[in-house]
Amino acid sequence: MNNIKIYIADDHQLLIDGLISALSDYAYIEIIGTANNGKKVLNDIFLNKPDVLLLDLNMPQVDGLQVIEKVKATANNVKILVLSNYSANHIIKEVQQKGADGYLLKNGSINDLVAAIRQVANGNLLFENITSAIQKKETAYFMDDFMKEYLLTKREYDILLLMAIGKSSNEIGDKLFISAATVSTHRRNILKKLGLKRTSEIMNLAVSKGWLKDQ
């Protein structure tokens, strides 16, 4: 495997030191420079010519988004992997639109980081996994609030999702190891709590709220 030359840019020296220590265990990763501010990144990047720039968004002097834009405009061969604490979808989308090659949250493992470095170094984009994970997390939070708002039990929540994908009372009973009669009782209670009359209305609600993306 060819060496992957890495440049690390983060406003916290402690994190840089930690990354240098952790990545030193990987013989094919070569750290060729570091910076604590965006201006130094832009001054160094053309001289050092890294394969991958590990970039924090929260950088002084020149912020991470500006760094992405300027590096991609003048040194498009440098792959940019953003390493950030921000998990908001609109930030990730903006990073992608600016031309970055990947996005990784700082709460991941060193193995996740190394895998991401290899992915972007090989010319692959790394956004799909994080956006789907965040969407799943956001959906989980929404469903928790939804359950509280309508006083749904955990059992009713499970049955609701199965109703939303068109499962019959017999099919739901088989899956949850309860009788079809018990399922029918739960179905009536769920419809009453939601103020709905038909299962088709639950299916429409589920589609509109995006509950079924991971079903």
N, C-alpha and C. Protein backbone atom coordinates (compact mmCIF):
# COMPACT_ATOMS: atom_id res chain seq x y z
N MET A 1 0.84 -1.20 0.00
CA MET A 1 0.00 0.00 0.00
C MET A 1 0.87 1.25 0.00
N ASN A 2 0.57 2.22 -0.87
CA ASN A 2 1.30 3.47 -0.89
C ASN A 2 0.99 4.29 0.36
N ASN A 3 1.99 5.07 0.79
CA ASN A 3 1.77 5.94 1.93
C ASN A 3 0.70 6.98 1.61
N ILE A 4 -0.10 7.33 2.63
CA ILE A 4 -1.08 8.39 2.51
C ILE A 4 -0.58 9.58 3.32
N LYS A 5 -0.31 10.68 2.64
CA LYS A 5 0.22 11.86 3.31
C LYS A 5 -0.94 12.70 3.88
N ILE A 6 -0.87 12.96 5.19
CA ILE A 6 -1.95 13.62 5.91
C ILE A 6 -1.50 14.98 6.43
N TYR A 7 -2.39 15.96 6.30
CA TYR A 7 -2.20 17.26 6.95
C TYR A 7 -3.36 17.46 7.91
N ILE A 8 -3.08 17.79 9.18
CA ILE A 8 -4.11 17.91 10.21
C ILE A 8 -4.33 19.37 10.56
N ALA A 9 -5.57 19.83 10.47
CA ALA A 9 -5.90 21.21 10.83
C ALA A 9 -7.02 21.23 11.86
N ASP A 10 -6.70 21.72 13.05
CA ASP A 10 -7.69 21.81 14.13
C ASP A 10 -7.25 22.93 15.06
N ASP A 11 -8.23 23.63 15.66
CA ASP A 11 -7.87 24.75 16.53
C ASP A 11 -7.44 24.31 17.92
N HIS A 12 -7.55 23.01 18.21
CA HIS A 12 -7.12 22.49 19.51
C HIS A 12 -5.85 21.65 19.33
N GLN A 13 -4.76 22.11 19.91
CA GLN A 13 -3.49 21.39 19.78
C GLN A 13 -3.56 20.02 20.44
N LEU A 14 -4.36 19.92 21.50
CA LEU A 14 -4.49 18.64 22.19
C LEU A 14 -5.06 17.57 21.27
N LEU A 15 -6.04 17.95 20.44
CA LEU A 15 -6.61 16.99 19.50
C LEU A 15 -5.59 16.62 18.42
N ILE A 16 -4.86 17.61 17.95
CA ILE A 16 -3.81 17.32 16.95
C ILE A 16 -2.80 16.33 17.51
N ASP A 17 -2.35 16.59 18.74
CA ASP A 17 -1.37 15.69 19.36
C ASP A 17 -1.93 14.28 19.51
N GLY A 18 -3.23 14.20 19.87
CA GLY A 18 -3.86 12.89 20.01
C GLY A 18 -3.95 12.14 18.69
N LEU A 19 -4.26 12.87 17.62
CA LEU A 19 -4.34 12.24 16.30
C LEU A 19 -2.97 11.78 15.83
N ILE A 20 -1.96 12.60 16.06
CA ILE A 20 -0.60 12.22 15.67
C ILE A 20 -0.20 10.93 16.38
N SER A 21 -0.49 10.85 17.68
CA SER A 21 -0.15 9.66 18.45
C SER A 21 -0.90 8.43 17.96
N ALA A 22 -2.22 8.59 17.73
CA ALA A 22 -3.04 7.45 17.32
C ALA A 22 -2.69 6.97 15.91
N LEU A 23 -2.46 7.91 15.01
CA LEU A 23 -2.19 7.55 13.61
C LEU A 23 -0.77 7.03 13.40
N SER A 24 0.09 7.25 14.38
CA SER A 24 1.48 6.77 14.26
C SER A 24 1.56 5.25 14.26
N ASP A 25 0.47 4.59 14.69
CA ASP A 25 0.44 3.13 14.68
C ASP A 25 0.24 2.56 13.28
N TYR A 26 -0.08 3.40 12.32
CA TYR A 26 -0.36 2.96 10.96
C TYR A 26 0.80 3.38 10.05
N ALA A 27 1.59 2.39 9.66
CA ALA A 27 2.83 2.67 8.95
C ALA A 27 2.61 3.38 7.61
N TYR A 28 1.46 3.18 6.98
CA TYR A 28 1.22 3.76 5.67
C TYR A 28 0.66 5.18 5.74
N ILE A 29 0.42 5.68 6.97
CA ILE A 29 -0.06 7.06 7.12
C ILE A 29 1.11 7.94 7.55
N GLU A 30 1.36 8.97 6.77
CA GLU A 30 2.47 9.89 7.02
C GLU A 30 1.92 11.29 7.27
N ILE A 31 2.12 11.80 8.47
CA ILE A 31 1.64 13.14 8.80
C ILE A 31 2.72 14.15 8.41
N ILE A 32 2.39 15.03 7.47
CA ILE A 32 3.40 15.93 6.90
C ILE A 32 3.23 17.38 7.35
N GLY A 33 2.22 17.66 8.17
CA GLY A 33 2.05 19.03 8.65
C GLY A 33 0.81 19.18 9.49
N THR A 34 0.78 20.25 10.31
CA THR A 34 -0.38 20.55 11.14
C THR A 34 -0.58 22.06 11.18
N ALA A 35 -1.80 22.47 11.54
CA ALA A 35 -2.09 23.90 11.67
C ALA A 35 -3.19 24.10 12.70
N ASN A 36 -3.13 25.25 13.39
CA ASN A 36 -4.16 25.62 14.36
C ASN A 36 -5.11 26.70 13.83
N ASN A 37 -4.86 27.18 12.61
CA ASN A 37 -5.75 28.19 12.04
C ASN A 37 -5.81 28.03 10.52
N GLY A 38 -6.90 28.55 9.94
CA GLY A 38 -7.14 28.36 8.52
C GLY A 38 -6.13 29.05 7.62
N LYS A 39 -5.60 30.17 8.08
CA LYS A 39 -4.62 30.90 7.27
C LYS A 39 -3.36 30.07 7.06
N LYS A 40 -2.89 29.42 8.12
CA LYS A 40 -1.69 28.58 8.01
C LYS A 40 -1.96 27.39 7.10
N VAL A 41 -3.17 26.83 7.17
CA VAL A 41 -3.51 25.72 6.28
C VAL A 41 -3.32 26.14 4.82
N LEU A 42 -3.88 27.29 4.46
CA LEU A 42 -3.81 27.76 3.07
C LEU A 42 -2.37 28.09 2.66
N ASN A 43 -1.57 28.57 3.60
CA ASN A 43 -0.17 28.87 3.28
C ASN A 43 0.65 27.60 3.09
N ASP A 44 0.31 26.55 3.86
CA ASP A 44 1.11 25.33 3.86
C ASP A 44 0.70 24.33 2.78
N ILE A 45 -0.59 24.31 2.46
CA ILE A 45 -1.15 23.20 1.71
C ILE A 45 -0.49 23.00 0.34
N PHE A 46 -0.11 24.08 -0.30
CA PHE A 46 0.47 23.98 -1.64
C PHE A 46 1.93 23.57 -1.59
N LEU A 47 2.60 23.86 -0.46
CA LEU A 47 3.99 23.45 -0.30
C LEU A 47 4.09 21.99 0.11
N ASN A 48 3.22 21.57 1.01
CA ASN A 48 3.30 20.21 1.55
C ASN A 48 2.62 19.17 0.67
N LYS A 49 1.60 19.59 -0.10
CA LYS A 49 0.89 18.72 -1.04
C LYS A 49 0.45 17.39 -0.41
N PRO A 50 -0.43 17.46 0.59
CA PRO A 50 -0.92 16.20 1.21
C PRO A 50 -1.89 15.48 0.29
N ASP A 51 -2.07 14.21 0.57
CA ASP A 51 -3.12 13.46 -0.12
C ASP A 51 -4.48 13.76 0.50
N VAL A 52 -4.49 13.88 1.84
CA VAL A 52 -5.73 14.12 2.57
C VAL A 52 -5.52 15.22 3.61
N LEU A 53 -6.42 16.19 3.59
CA LEU A 53 -6.45 17.24 4.61
C LEU A 53 -7.54 16.90 5.62
N LEU A 54 -7.15 16.64 6.88
CA LEU A 54 -8.11 16.46 7.96
C LEU A 54 -8.44 17.84 8.51
N LEU A 55 -9.68 18.26 8.39
CA LEU A 55 -10.03 19.66 8.65
C LEU A 55 -11.17 19.82 9.64
N ASP A 56 -10.92 20.62 10.67
CA ASP A 56 -11.99 21.04 11.57
C ASP A 56 -12.67 22.26 10.96
N LEU A 57 -13.98 22.39 11.17
CA LEU A 57 -14.70 23.55 10.62
C LEU A 57 -14.49 24.81 11.45
N ASN A 58 -14.32 24.64 12.75
CA ASN A 58 -14.24 25.78 13.66
C ASN A 58 -12.79 26.26 13.77
N MET A 59 -12.32 26.94 12.72
CA MET A 59 -10.93 27.39 12.66
C MET A 59 -10.86 28.92 12.73
N PRO A 60 -9.89 29.48 13.48
CA PRO A 60 -9.73 30.94 13.52
C PRO A 60 -9.08 31.47 12.24
N GLN A 61 -9.20 32.78 12.04
CA GLN A 61 -8.64 33.53 10.91
C GLN A 61 -9.34 33.21 9.59
N VAL A 62 -9.28 31.97 9.16
CA VAL A 62 -10.04 31.54 7.98
C VAL A 62 -10.79 30.27 8.38
N ASP A 63 -12.14 30.31 8.34
CA ASP A 63 -12.89 29.16 8.84
C ASP A 63 -12.83 27.97 7.88
N GLY A 64 -13.29 26.83 8.38
CA GLY A 64 -13.17 25.59 7.63
C GLY A 64 -13.87 25.61 6.29
N LEU A 65 -15.05 26.22 6.22
CA LEU A 65 -15.79 26.28 4.95
C LEU A 65 -15.02 27.09 3.90
N GLN A 66 -14.40 28.17 4.34
CA GLN A 66 -13.59 28.98 3.41
C GLN A 66 -12.36 28.20 2.95
N VAL A 67 -11.78 27.45 3.87
CA VAL A 67 -10.61 26.63 3.52
C VAL A 67 -10.99 25.61 2.44
N ILE A 68 -12.11 24.94 2.64
CA ILE A 68 -12.57 23.95 1.64
C ILE A 68 -12.71 24.60 0.28
N GLU A 69 -13.39 25.74 0.25
CA GLU A 69 -13.67 26.42 -1.00
C GLU A 69 -12.38 26.83 -1.72
N LYS A 70 -11.43 27.37 -0.96
CA LYS A 70 -10.19 27.87 -1.57
C LYS A 70 -9.26 26.73 -2.00
N VAL A 71 -9.19 25.68 -1.17
CA VAL A 71 -8.34 24.55 -1.54
C VAL A 71 -8.89 23.86 -2.78
N LYS A 72 -10.19 23.66 -2.84
CA LYS A 72 -10.78 22.98 -3.99
C LYS A 72 -10.70 23.82 -5.26
N ALA A 73 -10.62 25.13 -5.11
CA ALA A 73 -10.52 26.01 -6.28
C ALA A 73 -9.12 26.01 -6.88
N THR A 74 -8.11 25.71 -6.05
CA THR A 74 -6.73 25.83 -6.52
C THR A 74 -5.90 24.54 -6.40
N ALA A 75 -6.38 23.60 -5.61
CA ALA A 75 -5.62 22.34 -5.43
C ALA A 75 -6.61 21.19 -5.30
N ASN A 76 -7.37 20.96 -6.35
CA ASN A 76 -8.47 19.99 -6.31
C ASN A 76 -8.00 18.56 -6.08
N ASN A 77 -6.72 18.29 -6.28
CA ASN A 77 -6.20 16.94 -6.07
C ASN A 77 -6.08 16.61 -4.57
N VAL A 78 -6.13 17.62 -3.71
CA VAL A 78 -6.09 17.39 -2.27
C VAL A 78 -7.48 16.96 -1.80
N LYS A 79 -7.58 15.79 -1.20
CA LYS A 79 -8.85 15.31 -0.67
C LYS A 79 -9.07 15.92 0.71
N ILE A 80 -10.30 16.34 0.98
CA ILE A 80 -10.61 16.99 2.26
C ILE A 80 -11.61 16.14 3.05
N LEU A 81 -11.17 15.71 4.22
CA LEU A 81 -12.03 14.96 5.14
C LEU A 81 -12.29 15.86 6.35
N VAL A 82 -13.52 16.32 6.48
CA VAL A 82 -13.88 17.18 7.61
C VAL A 82 -14.08 16.33 8.85
N LEU A 83 -13.46 16.75 9.93
CA LEU A 83 -13.57 16.07 11.22
C LEU A 83 -14.17 17.07 12.20
N SER A 84 -15.43 16.85 12.58
CA SER A 84 -16.16 17.91 13.28
C SER A 84 -17.05 17.37 14.39
N ASN A 85 -17.45 18.29 15.29
CA ASN A 85 -18.44 17.96 16.32
C ASN A 85 -19.86 18.23 15.86
N TYR A 86 -20.00 18.96 14.76
CA TYR A 86 -21.33 19.37 14.30
C TYR A 86 -22.02 18.24 13.55
N SER A 87 -23.26 17.91 13.98
CA SER A 87 -23.98 16.83 13.32
C SER A 87 -25.23 17.30 12.59
N ALA A 88 -25.42 18.63 12.49
CA ALA A 88 -26.62 19.15 11.82
C ALA A 88 -26.54 18.88 10.32
N ASN A 89 -27.64 18.42 9.76
CA ASN A 89 -27.67 18.05 8.34
C ASN A 89 -27.34 19.22 7.43
N HIS A 90 -27.80 20.44 7.77
CA HIS A 90 -27.56 21.57 6.88
C HIS A 90 -26.08 21.92 6.81
N ILE A 91 -25.35 21.68 7.90
CA ILE A 91 -23.90 21.93 7.88
C ILE A 91 -23.21 20.89 7.01
N ILE A 92 -23.59 19.64 7.15
CA ILE A 92 -22.99 18.58 6.35
C ILE A 92 -23.25 18.81 4.86
N LYS A 93 -24.47 19.23 4.54
CA LYS A 93 -24.81 19.50 3.14
C LYS A 93 -23.99 20.66 2.59
N GLU A 94 -23.78 21.69 3.42
CA GLU A 94 -22.97 22.83 2.96
C GLU A 94 -21.53 22.42 2.73
N VAL A 95 -21.00 21.59 3.63
CA VAL A 95 -19.64 21.07 3.46
C VAL A 95 -19.52 20.30 2.14
N GLN A 96 -20.52 19.48 1.85
CA GLN A 96 -20.52 18.70 0.61
C GLN A 96 -20.61 19.61 -0.60
N GLN A 97 -21.44 20.64 -0.53
CA GLN A 97 -21.59 21.57 -1.64
C GLN A 97 -20.31 22.37 -1.91
N LYS A 98 -19.54 22.63 -0.85
CA LYS A 98 -18.28 23.37 -1.01
C LYS A 98 -17.21 22.51 -1.69
N GLY A 99 -17.43 21.19 -1.72
CA GLY A 99 -16.50 20.32 -2.43
C GLY A 99 -15.68 19.37 -1.60
N ALA A 100 -15.96 19.30 -0.28
CA ALA A 100 -15.23 18.35 0.56
C ALA A 100 -15.52 16.91 0.12
N ASP A 101 -14.63 16.01 0.49
CA ASP A 101 -14.75 14.61 0.05
C ASP A 101 -15.37 13.70 1.10
N GLY A 102 -15.43 14.15 2.34
CA GLY A 102 -16.01 13.32 3.38
C GLY A 102 -16.25 14.10 4.65
N TYR A 103 -17.04 13.51 5.54
CA TYR A 103 -17.40 14.16 6.80
C TYR A 103 -17.46 13.08 7.88
N LEU A 104 -16.80 13.35 9.00
CA LEU A 104 -16.75 12.37 10.09
C LEU A 104 -16.90 13.11 11.41
N LEU A 105 -17.71 12.55 12.31
CA LEU A 105 -17.86 13.14 13.63
C LEU A 105 -16.68 12.77 14.53
N LYS A 106 -16.32 13.69 15.41
CA LYS A 106 -15.17 13.47 16.27
C LYS A 106 -15.40 12.42 17.35
N ASN A 107 -16.66 12.01 17.54
CA ASN A 107 -16.92 11.02 18.58
C ASN A 107 -16.75 9.58 18.11
N GLY A 108 -16.25 9.40 16.89
CA GLY A 108 -16.00 8.06 16.37
C GLY A 108 -14.69 7.48 16.87
N SER A 109 -14.39 6.27 16.44
CA SER A 109 -13.16 5.59 16.85
C SER A 109 -12.03 5.90 15.88
N ILE A 110 -10.80 5.58 16.29
CA ILE A 110 -9.65 5.78 15.40
C ILE A 110 -9.76 4.86 14.19
N ASN A 111 -10.37 3.68 14.38
CA ASN A 111 -10.56 2.77 13.24
C ASN A 111 -11.50 3.38 12.21
N ASP A 112 -12.56 4.08 12.69
CA ASP A 112 -13.47 4.79 11.79
C ASP A 112 -12.71 5.85 11.00
N LEU A 113 -11.84 6.58 11.69
CA LEU A 113 -11.08 7.64 11.04
C LEU A 113 -10.14 7.08 9.99
N VAL A 114 -9.42 6.03 10.33
CA VAL A 114 -8.47 5.44 9.38
C VAL A 114 -9.20 4.92 8.15
N ALA A 115 -10.34 4.26 8.37
CA ALA A 115 -11.14 3.76 7.25
C ALA A 115 -11.61 4.92 6.37
N ALA A 116 -12.01 6.03 6.99
CA ALA A 116 -12.45 7.20 6.24
C ALA A 116 -11.31 7.82 5.45
N ILE A 117 -10.14 7.88 6.05
CA ILE A 117 -8.96 8.42 5.35
C ILE A 117 -8.66 7.59 4.10
N ARG A 118 -8.70 6.28 4.25
CA ARG A 118 -8.44 5.42 3.09
C ARG A 118 -9.50 5.59 2.01
N GLN A 119 -10.75 5.74 2.44
CA GLN A 119 -11.85 5.91 1.48
C GLN A 119 -11.64 7.16 0.63
N VAL A 120 -11.42 8.29 1.28
CA VAL A 120 -11.30 9.54 0.52
C VAL A 120 -9.99 9.58 -0.26
N ALA A 121 -8.93 8.98 0.29
CA ALA A 121 -7.65 8.94 -0.43
C ALA A 121 -7.79 8.15 -1.74
N ASN A 122 -8.71 7.18 -1.74
CA ASN A 122 -8.95 6.37 -2.94
C ASN A 122 -9.98 6.98 -3.88
N GLY A 123 -10.39 8.21 -3.57
CA GLY A 123 -11.28 8.92 -4.46
C GLY A 123 -12.77 8.72 -4.21
N ASN A 124 -13.10 8.13 -3.06
CA ASN A 124 -14.52 7.91 -2.72
C ASN A 124 -15.05 9.04 -1.84
N LEU A 125 -16.34 9.34 -2.00
CA LEU A 125 -16.99 10.33 -1.14
C LEU A 125 -17.54 9.62 0.09
N LEU A 126 -17.51 10.33 1.23
CA LEU A 126 -17.92 9.72 2.48
C LEU A 126 -18.93 10.62 3.18
N PHE A 127 -20.17 10.56 2.71
CA PHE A 127 -21.24 11.34 3.32
C PHE A 127 -22.47 10.50 3.64
N GLU A 128 -22.74 9.48 2.86
CA GLU A 128 -23.99 8.74 2.95
C GLU A 128 -24.19 8.12 4.32
N ASN A 129 -23.14 7.49 4.87
CA ASN A 129 -23.29 6.80 6.15
C ASN A 129 -23.65 7.75 7.28
N ILE A 130 -22.99 8.90 7.31
CA ILE A 130 -23.24 9.81 8.42
C ILE A 130 -24.61 10.45 8.32
N THR A 131 -25.03 10.82 7.11
CA THR A 131 -26.34 11.46 6.97
C THR A 131 -27.46 10.48 7.29
N SER A 132 -27.32 9.23 6.89
CA SER A 132 -28.36 8.25 7.21
C SER A 132 -28.41 7.97 8.70
N ALA A 133 -27.24 7.95 9.35
CA ALA A 133 -27.20 7.72 10.79
C ALA A 133 -27.85 8.87 11.55
N ILE A 134 -27.59 10.10 11.11
CA ILE A 134 -28.17 11.26 11.76
C ILE A 134 -29.67 11.29 11.54
N GLN A 135 -30.11 10.97 10.31
CA GLN A 135 -31.55 10.95 10.03
C GLN A 135 -32.24 9.91 10.91
N LYS A 136 -31.58 8.77 11.08
CA LYS A 136 -32.16 7.72 11.93
C LYS A 136 -32.27 8.20 13.37
N LYS A 137 -31.24 8.91 13.84
CA LYS A 137 -31.23 9.43 15.21
C LYS A 137 -32.32 10.47 15.38
N GLU A 138 -32.45 11.38 14.39
CA GLU A 138 -33.46 12.42 14.46
C GLU A 138 -34.86 11.80 14.44
N THR A 139 -35.05 10.75 13.62
CA THR A 139 -36.35 10.08 13.57
C THR A 139 -36.67 9.44 14.92
N ALA A 140 -35.66 8.86 15.57
CA ALA A 140 -35.86 8.22 16.87
C ALA A 140 -36.30 9.26 17.90
N TYR A 141 -35.65 10.44 17.89
CA TYR A 141 -36.05 11.50 18.81
C TYR A 141 -37.48 11.93 18.55
N PHE A 142 -37.83 12.07 17.27
CA PHE A 142 -39.17 12.50 16.90
C PHE A 142 -40.20 11.49 17.39
N MET A 143 -39.93 10.21 17.17
CA MET A 143 -40.88 9.17 17.57
C MET A 143 -41.07 9.16 19.09
N ASP A 144 -40.01 9.43 19.84
CA ASP A 144 -40.12 9.47 21.29
C ASP A 144 -41.07 10.60 21.71
N ASP A 145 -40.90 11.78 21.11
CA ASP A 145 -41.79 12.90 21.40
C ASP A 145 -43.22 12.59 20.96
N PHE A 146 -43.35 11.92 19.81
CA PHE A 146 -44.66 11.56 19.28
C PHE A 146 -45.39 10.63 20.24
N MET A 147 -44.66 9.65 20.76
CA MET A 147 -45.25 8.69 21.71
C MET A 147 -45.75 9.41 22.97
N LYS A 148 -44.94 10.36 23.45
CA LYS A 148 -45.32 11.10 24.65
C LYS A 148 -46.55 11.98 24.39
N GLU A 149 -46.55 12.62 23.22
CA GLU A 149 -47.65 13.53 22.90
C GLU A 149 -48.98 12.80 22.83
N TYR A 150 -48.98 11.59 22.25
CA TYR A 150 -50.23 10.85 22.06
C TYR A 150 -50.42 9.72 23.08
N LEU A 151 -49.54 9.69 24.08
CA LEU A 151 -49.65 8.71 25.17
C LEU A 151 -49.64 7.28 24.65
N LEU A 152 -48.78 7.03 23.67
CA LEU A 152 -48.65 5.68 23.12
C LEU A 152 -47.70 4.84 23.99
N THR A 153 -48.06 3.60 24.22
CA THR A 153 -47.14 2.69 24.90
C THR A 153 -46.12 2.14 23.91
N LYS A 154 -45.09 1.48 24.44
CA LYS A 154 -44.08 0.90 23.57
C LYS A 154 -44.71 -0.16 22.66
N ARG A 155 -45.62 -0.95 23.20
CA ARG A 155 -46.29 -1.97 22.40
C ARG A 155 -47.12 -1.32 21.29
N GLU A 156 -47.82 -0.24 21.62
CA GLU A 156 -48.61 0.46 20.61
C GLU A 156 -47.72 1.07 19.54
N TYR A 157 -46.57 1.55 19.95
CA TYR A 157 -45.60 2.10 18.99
C TYR A 157 -45.14 1.01 18.01
N ASP A 158 -44.82 -0.17 18.53
CA ASP A 158 -44.38 -1.27 17.67
C ASP A 158 -45.48 -1.66 16.68
N ILE A 159 -46.70 -1.72 17.18
CA ILE A 159 -47.82 -2.09 16.31
C ILE A 159 -48.10 -0.99 15.29
N LEU A 160 -47.97 0.26 15.72
CA LEU A 160 -48.17 1.39 14.82
C LEU A 160 -47.27 1.31 13.60
N LEU A 161 -45.99 1.02 13.81
CA LEU A 161 -45.04 0.93 12.70
C LEU A 161 -45.39 -0.23 11.76
N LEU A 162 -45.85 -1.33 12.33
CA LEU A 162 -46.23 -2.47 11.50
C LEU A 162 -47.53 -2.19 10.74
N MET A 163 -48.44 -1.47 11.37
CA MET A 163 -49.64 -1.03 10.67
C MET A 163 -49.27 -0.12 9.50
N ALA A 164 -48.29 0.72 9.72
CA ALA A 164 -47.89 1.71 8.72
C ALA A 164 -47.34 1.08 7.45
N ILE A 165 -46.82 -0.16 7.56
CA ILE A 165 -46.31 -0.84 6.36
C ILE A 165 -47.31 -1.89 5.86
N GLY A 166 -48.55 -1.79 6.37
CA GLY A 166 -49.63 -2.60 5.82
C GLY A 166 -49.78 -4.00 6.36
N LYS A 167 -49.18 -4.29 7.51
CA LYS A 167 -49.29 -5.63 8.08
C LYS A 167 -50.69 -5.86 8.65
N SER A 168 -51.21 -7.06 8.47
CA SER A 168 -52.52 -7.42 9.02
C SER A 168 -52.39 -7.74 10.50
N SER A 169 -53.54 -7.87 11.18
CA SER A 169 -53.52 -8.22 12.61
C SER A 169 -52.86 -9.57 12.84
N ASN A 170 -53.14 -10.54 11.96
CA ASN A 170 -52.51 -11.86 12.09
C ASN A 170 -50.99 -11.77 11.92
N GLU A 171 -50.54 -11.01 10.92
CA GLU A 171 -49.10 -10.86 10.67
C GLU A 171 -48.41 -10.15 11.83
N ILE A 172 -49.06 -9.11 12.35
CA ILE A 172 -48.49 -8.39 13.50
C ILE A 172 -48.43 -9.31 14.72
N GLY A 173 -49.50 -10.09 14.94
CA GLY A 173 -49.52 -11.02 16.07
C GLY A 173 -48.40 -12.04 15.99
N ASP A 174 -48.19 -12.59 14.79
CA ASP A 174 -47.11 -13.57 14.60
C ASP A 174 -45.75 -12.95 14.89
N LYS A 175 -45.56 -11.72 14.46
CA LYS A 175 -44.26 -11.07 14.63
C LYS A 175 -43.98 -10.71 16.09
N LEU A 176 -45.03 -10.29 16.80
CA LEU A 176 -44.86 -9.83 18.18
C LEU A 176 -45.24 -10.90 19.21
N PHE A 177 -45.63 -12.08 18.73
CA PHE A 177 -45.98 -13.21 19.61
C PHE A 177 -47.16 -12.88 20.52
N ILE A 178 -48.18 -12.25 19.93
CA ILE A 178 -49.42 -11.99 20.65
C ILE A 178 -50.57 -12.41 19.73
N SER A 179 -51.77 -12.53 20.30
CA SER A 179 -52.90 -12.98 19.50
C SER A 179 -53.40 -11.87 18.58
N ALA A 180 -54.07 -12.29 17.49
CA ALA A 180 -54.64 -11.34 16.55
C ALA A 180 -55.71 -10.50 17.24
N ALA A 181 -56.44 -11.10 18.18
CA ALA A 181 -57.47 -10.36 18.91
C ALA A 181 -56.85 -9.23 19.74
N THR A 182 -55.71 -9.52 20.37
CA THR A 182 -55.01 -8.50 21.15
C THR A 182 -54.52 -7.37 20.24
N VAL A 183 -54.01 -7.75 19.08
CA VAL A 183 -53.56 -6.76 18.10
C VAL A 183 -54.73 -5.87 17.69
N SER A 184 -55.89 -6.47 17.43
CA SER A 184 -57.07 -5.70 17.01
C SER A 184 -57.46 -4.67 18.08
N THR A 185 -57.35 -5.07 19.34
CA THR A 185 -57.65 -4.14 20.44
C THR A 185 -56.66 -2.97 20.43
N HIS A 186 -55.39 -3.31 20.25
CA HIS A 186 -54.37 -2.26 20.19
C HIS A 186 -54.60 -1.33 19.00
N ARG A 187 -54.99 -1.90 17.87
CA ARG A 187 -55.23 -1.09 16.67
C ARG A 187 -56.33 -0.07 16.92
N ARG A 188 -57.40 -0.50 17.57
CA ARG A 188 -58.50 0.42 17.87
C ARG A 188 -58.04 1.53 18.81
N ASN A 189 -57.24 1.15 19.81
CA ASN A 189 -56.74 2.14 20.77
C ASN A 189 -55.81 3.16 20.10
N ILE A 190 -54.95 2.66 19.19
CA ILE A 190 -54.02 3.53 18.48
C ILE A 190 -54.78 4.54 17.62
N LEU A 191 -55.74 4.05 16.86
CA LEU A 191 -56.53 4.95 16.00
C LEU A 191 -57.26 6.00 16.84
N LYS A 192 -57.79 5.57 17.98
CA LYS A 192 -58.51 6.50 18.85
C LYS A 192 -57.57 7.57 19.40
N LYS A 193 -56.37 7.15 19.86
CA LYS A 193 -55.41 8.11 20.42
C LYS A 193 -54.93 9.11 19.37
N LEU A 194 -54.80 8.65 18.14
CA LEU A 194 -54.32 9.53 17.07
C LEU A 194 -55.43 10.34 16.42
N GLY A 195 -56.68 10.02 16.79
CA GLY A 195 -57.81 10.72 16.19
C GLY A 195 -58.02 10.36 14.74
N LEU A 196 -57.69 9.11 14.38
CA LEU A 196 -57.82 8.64 13.01
C LEU A 196 -58.91 7.57 12.92
N LYS A 197 -59.36 7.30 11.70
CA LYS A 197 -60.44 6.33 11.52
C LYS A 197 -59.99 5.07 10.79
N ARG A 198 -58.99 5.20 9.91
CA ARG A 198 -58.59 4.06 9.07
C ARG A 198 -57.08 3.86 9.11
N THR A 199 -56.67 2.61 8.88
CA THR A 199 -55.25 2.28 8.83
C THR A 199 -54.54 3.04 7.71
N SER A 200 -55.22 3.28 6.62
CA SER A 200 -54.62 4.01 5.49
C SER A 200 -54.16 5.39 5.91
N GLU A 201 -54.84 5.99 6.89
CA GLU A 201 -54.43 7.31 7.38
C GLU A 201 -53.11 7.21 8.14
N ILE A 202 -52.91 6.10 8.83
CA ILE A 202 -51.63 5.87 9.52
C ILE A 202 -50.52 5.71 8.50
N MET A 203 -50.79 4.98 7.43
CA MET A 203 -49.79 4.78 6.38
C MET A 203 -49.40 6.12 5.76
N ASN A 204 -50.39 6.97 5.49
CA ASN A 204 -50.09 8.29 4.93
C ASN A 204 -49.29 9.15 5.90
N LEU A 205 -49.64 9.07 7.18
CA LEU A 205 -48.92 9.81 8.21
C LEU A 205 -47.47 9.36 8.30
N ALA A 206 -47.26 8.06 8.27
CA ALA A 206 -45.90 7.51 8.36
C ALA A 206 -45.03 7.95 7.20
N VAL A 207 -45.59 7.98 6.01
CA VAL A 207 -44.84 8.41 4.83
C VAL A 207 -44.47 9.88 4.95
N SER A 208 -45.44 10.71 5.38
CA SER A 208 -45.20 12.15 5.47
C SER A 208 -44.17 12.50 6.54
N LYS A 209 -44.09 11.69 7.60
CA LYS A 209 -43.15 11.95 8.69
C LYS A 209 -41.81 11.26 8.49
N GLY A 210 -41.69 10.41 7.49
CA GLY A 210 -40.42 9.74 7.23
C GLY A 210 -40.07 8.64 8.21
N TRP A 211 -41.10 8.04 8.86
CA TRP A 211 -40.83 7.01 9.85
C TRP A 211 -40.30 5.72 9.24
N LEU A 212 -40.55 5.48 7.96
CA LEU A 212 -40.31 4.15 7.40
C LEU A 212 -39.00 4.05 6.63
N LYS A 213 -38.13 5.05 6.74
CA LYS A 213 -36.87 5.02 6.00
C LYS A 213 -36.00 3.83 6.37
N ASP A 214 -36.07 3.42 7.62
CA ASP A 214 -35.22 2.33 8.08
C ASP A 214 -35.98 1.04 8.31
N GLN A 215 -37.24 1.00 7.86
CA GLN A 215 -38.04 -0.22 8.01
C GLN A 215 -37.77 -1.20 6.89
